[in-house]
């Protein structure tokens, strides 16, 4: 089990764990409620929009971490940081698909709870979030995280469009209620 190679690797590990915790549980505390919402939006944007170019579910933090480790130690991280943490380091008997589907469920549940606590939810947002949860789960079940988008992956294209619509709608609501939100 390799938890870290050096201080920079340790920094990347801690930063990633903090991001995961804020994305998952940021809605619990009032102090992390708004930063958590923004971080979830950034995460979903990266998974979707940057995922169009790099592979669905792309995380720039994992990419930078992986580049650093490969350059300095010739060690490659898996596409998903949670795979690295849970499977490679803790040897848990999980599959990458199980971890990815759980991640999708957790982030969309966190998003819905966060929006509710921020008084930014409505039926359209909940429906879009549920459609996203279902479509992302199907993508992971039928493909893998990191799958590149092409014109033949209609479910990936559909899910990406729905995710971007959801994010734009949430940002529009934040801007509309910005006086109360900031």
Protein backbone atom coordinates (compact mmCIF):
# COMPACT_ATOMS: atom_id res chain seq x y z
CA UNK A 1 0.00 0.00 0.00
CA UNK A 2 1.47 3.32 -1.14
CA UNK A 3 -0.24 6.25 0.50
CA UNK A 4 2.20 8.85 -0.79
CA UNK A 5 5.63 9.19 -2.40
CA UNK A 6 6.59 12.70 -1.26
CA UNK A 7 5.15 15.98 0.06
CA UNK A 8 3.68 17.05 -3.28
CA UNK A 9 1.97 13.70 -3.68
CA UNK A 10 0.69 13.99 -0.11
CA UNK A 11 -0.64 17.47 -0.93
CA UNK A 12 -2.50 16.11 -3.99
CA UNK A 13 -3.93 13.24 -1.92
CA UNK A 14 -5.13 15.54 0.85
CA UNK A 15 -6.56 18.05 -1.62
CA UNK A 16 -8.44 15.34 -3.45
CA UNK A 17 -9.83 13.86 -0.24
CA UNK A 18 -10.95 17.33 0.88
CA UNK A 19 -12.70 17.90 -2.47
CA UNK A 20 -14.44 14.52 -2.20
CA UNK A 21 -15.57 15.24 1.37
CA UNK A 22 -16.86 18.72 0.49
CA UNK A 23 -18.68 17.37 -2.57
CA UNK A 24 -20.22 14.57 -0.51
CA UNK A 25 -20.90 16.20 2.84
CA UNK A 26 -20.54 19.94 2.33
CA UNK A 27 -24.29 20.37 2.70
CA UNK A 28 -24.12 19.21 6.34
CA UNK A 29 -22.55 22.39 7.74
CA UNK A 30 -23.73 25.93 7.01
CA UNK A 31 -20.15 27.15 6.62
CA UNK A 32 -19.49 24.70 3.75
CA UNK A 33 -22.96 24.84 2.18
CA UNK A 34 -22.26 27.43 -0.53
CA UNK A 35 -18.67 26.40 -1.31
CA UNK A 36 -19.95 22.83 -1.61
CA UNK A 37 -22.55 23.87 -4.18
CA UNK A 38 -19.94 25.66 -6.27
CA UNK A 39 -17.55 22.72 -6.01
CA UNK A 40 -20.26 20.26 -7.08
CA UNK A 41 -21.03 22.49 -10.09
CA UNK A 42 -17.33 22.63 -11.00
CA UNK A 43 -17.00 18.87 -10.56
CA UNK A 44 -20.00 18.10 -12.77
CA UNK A 45 -18.77 20.62 -15.34
CA UNK A 46 -15.37 18.89 -15.45
CA UNK A 47 -16.92 15.42 -15.61
CA UNK A 48 -19.15 16.54 -18.48
CA UNK A 49 -17.65 19.37 -20.51
CA UNK A 50 -13.98 18.53 -20.05
CA UNK A 51 -15.05 14.89 -20.27
CA UNK A 52 -16.07 15.53 -23.88
CA UNK A 53 -12.39 16.04 -24.71
CA UNK A 54 -10.61 13.90 -22.11
CA UNK A 55 -13.07 11.11 -21.33
CA UNK A 56 -16.34 11.20 -19.44
CA UNK A 57 -15.81 11.75 -15.71
CA UNK A 58 -12.55 13.67 -16.26
CA UNK A 59 -11.04 15.30 -13.17
CA UNK A 60 -8.28 17.88 -13.71
CA UNK A 61 -6.95 17.29 -10.20
CA UNK A 62 -6.51 13.57 -10.85
CA UNK A 63 -4.90 14.41 -14.19
CA UNK A 64 -2.36 16.81 -12.62
CA UNK A 65 -1.66 14.34 -9.83
CA UNK A 66 -1.17 11.53 -12.33
CA UNK A 67 1.17 13.64 -14.47
CA UNK A 68 3.26 14.52 -11.42
CA UNK A 69 3.53 10.89 -10.31
CA UNK A 70 4.37 9.63 -13.77
CA UNK A 71 6.99 12.31 -14.35
CA UNK A 72 8.72 11.76 -11.01
CA UNK A 73 8.05 8.10 -10.19
CA UNK A 74 6.81 6.50 -13.43
CA UNK A 75 3.63 5.64 -11.55
CA UNK A 76 0.24 5.97 -13.27
CA UNK A 77 -2.96 6.70 -11.41
CA UNK A 78 -6.15 5.09 -12.68
CA UNK A 79 -8.62 7.46 -14.41
CA UNK A 80 -10.59 7.68 -11.15
CA UNK A 81 -8.88 8.82 -7.97
CA UNK A 82 -11.34 6.81 -5.87
CA UNK A 83 -10.25 3.65 -7.72
CA UNK A 84 -6.68 4.45 -6.72
CA UNK A 85 -7.62 5.17 -3.13
CA UNK A 86 -10.09 2.36 -2.46
CA UNK A 87 -8.87 -0.44 -4.74
CA UNK A 88 -5.12 0.19 -5.06
CA UNK A 89 -4.36 1.52 -1.57
CA UNK A 90 -6.95 -0.10 0.66
CA UNK A 91 -7.42 -3.29 -1.39
CA UNK A 92 -11.19 -3.15 -0.96
CA UNK A 93 -13.04 -5.79 -3.00
CA UNK A 94 -14.80 -3.22 -5.20
CA UNK A 95 -15.00 -2.73 -8.93
CA UNK A 96 -14.39 0.52 -10.72
CA UNK A 97 -18.01 0.49 -11.92
CA UNK A 98 -19.32 0.14 -8.34
CA UNK A 99 -17.19 3.06 -7.20
CA UNK A 100 -18.19 5.22 -10.16
CA UNK A 101 -21.93 4.56 -9.82
CA UNK A 102 -21.73 5.27 -6.09
CA UNK A 103 -19.90 8.52 -6.87
CA UNK A 104 -22.64 9.55 -9.28
CA UNK A 105 -25.36 8.76 -6.75
CA UNK A 106 -23.56 10.62 -3.96
CA UNK A 107 -22.83 13.76 -5.97
CA UNK A 108 -26.37 14.12 -7.31
CA UNK A 109 -27.92 13.41 -3.90
CA UNK A 110 -25.55 15.99 -2.40
CA UNK A 111 -26.51 18.45 -5.13
CA UNK A 112 -30.24 18.02 -4.48
CA UNK A 113 -29.84 18.36 -0.70
CA UNK A 114 -27.56 21.36 -1.13
CA UNK A 115 -29.99 23.11 -3.47
CA UNK A 116 -32.86 22.42 -1.07
CA UNK A 117 -30.93 23.85 1.89
CA UNK A 118 -30.03 26.91 -0.23
CA UNK A 119 -33.70 27.33 -1.31
CA UNK A 120 -32.68 26.94 -4.97
CA UNK A 121 -34.53 23.75 -5.81
CA UNK A 122 -37.72 23.21 -7.76
CA UNK A 123 -39.39 20.37 -9.59
CA UNK A 124 -37.42 20.97 -12.81
CA UNK A 125 -34.07 20.80 -11.02
CA UNK A 126 -35.05 17.63 -9.17
CA UNK A 127 -36.25 16.01 -12.41
CA UNK A 128 -33.06 17.01 -14.26
CA UNK A 129 -30.92 15.71 -11.39
CA UNK A 130 -32.80 12.39 -11.34
CA UNK A 131 -32.50 12.04 -15.13
CA UNK A 132 -28.79 12.81 -14.82
CA UNK A 133 -28.31 10.26 -12.06
CA UNK A 134 -30.03 7.57 -14.14
CA UNK A 135 -28.24 8.45 -17.40
CA UNK A 136 -24.80 8.72 -15.77
CA UNK A 137 -25.36 5.35 -14.08
CA UNK A 138 -26.29 3.81 -17.44
CA UNK A 139 -23.18 5.27 -19.05
CA UNK A 140 -20.96 3.78 -16.37
CA UNK A 141 -22.79 0.46 -16.53
CA UNK A 142 -22.51 0.24 -20.34
CA UNK A 143 -19.12 1.87 -20.79
CA UNK A 144 -16.46 2.91 -18.35
CA UNK A 145 -15.52 6.13 -16.70
CA UNK A 146 -13.03 7.77 -19.04
CA UNK A 147 -14.86 6.72 -22.21
CA UNK A 148 -14.29 9.25 -24.97
CA UNK A 149 -17.39 10.72 -26.54
CA UNK A 150 -18.10 10.09 -30.19
CA UNK A 151 -21.20 10.49 -32.33
CA UNK A 152 -22.18 6.87 -31.75
CA UNK A 153 -22.41 7.26 -27.95
CA UNK A 154 -25.89 8.78 -27.96
CA UNK A 155 -26.48 8.09 -24.26
CA UNK A 156 -23.25 9.93 -23.40
CA UNK A 157 -24.16 12.87 -25.63
CA UNK A 158 -27.69 12.97 -24.16
CA UNK A 159 -26.39 12.82 -20.59
CA UNK A 160 -23.79 15.51 -21.28
CA UNK A 161 -26.41 17.84 -22.71
CA UNK A 162 -28.80 17.24 -19.80
CA UNK A 163 -25.98 17.81 -17.28
CA UNK A 164 -24.98 21.08 -18.95
CA UNK A 165 -28.64 22.20 -19.02
CA UNK A 166 -28.91 21.40 -15.30
CA UNK A 167 -25.73 23.34 -14.48
CA UNK A 168 -26.80 26.36 -16.55
CA UNK A 169 -30.22 26.35 -14.90
CA UNK A 170 -28.67 26.17 -11.42
CA UNK A 171 -26.26 29.01 -12.23
CA UNK A 172 -29.18 31.06 -13.57
CA UNK A 173 -31.06 30.50 -10.29
CA UNK A 174 -27.96 31.48 -8.29
CA UNK A 175 -27.58 34.69 -10.31
CA UNK A 176 -31.30 35.44 -9.96
CA UNK A 177 -31.14 35.01 -6.18
CA UNK A 178 -27.60 36.36 -5.82
CA UNK A 179 -28.62 39.15 -3.46
CA UNK A 180 -29.86 36.58 -0.94
CA UNK A 181 -27.28 33.95 -1.81
CA UNK A 182 -24.00 35.84 -1.28
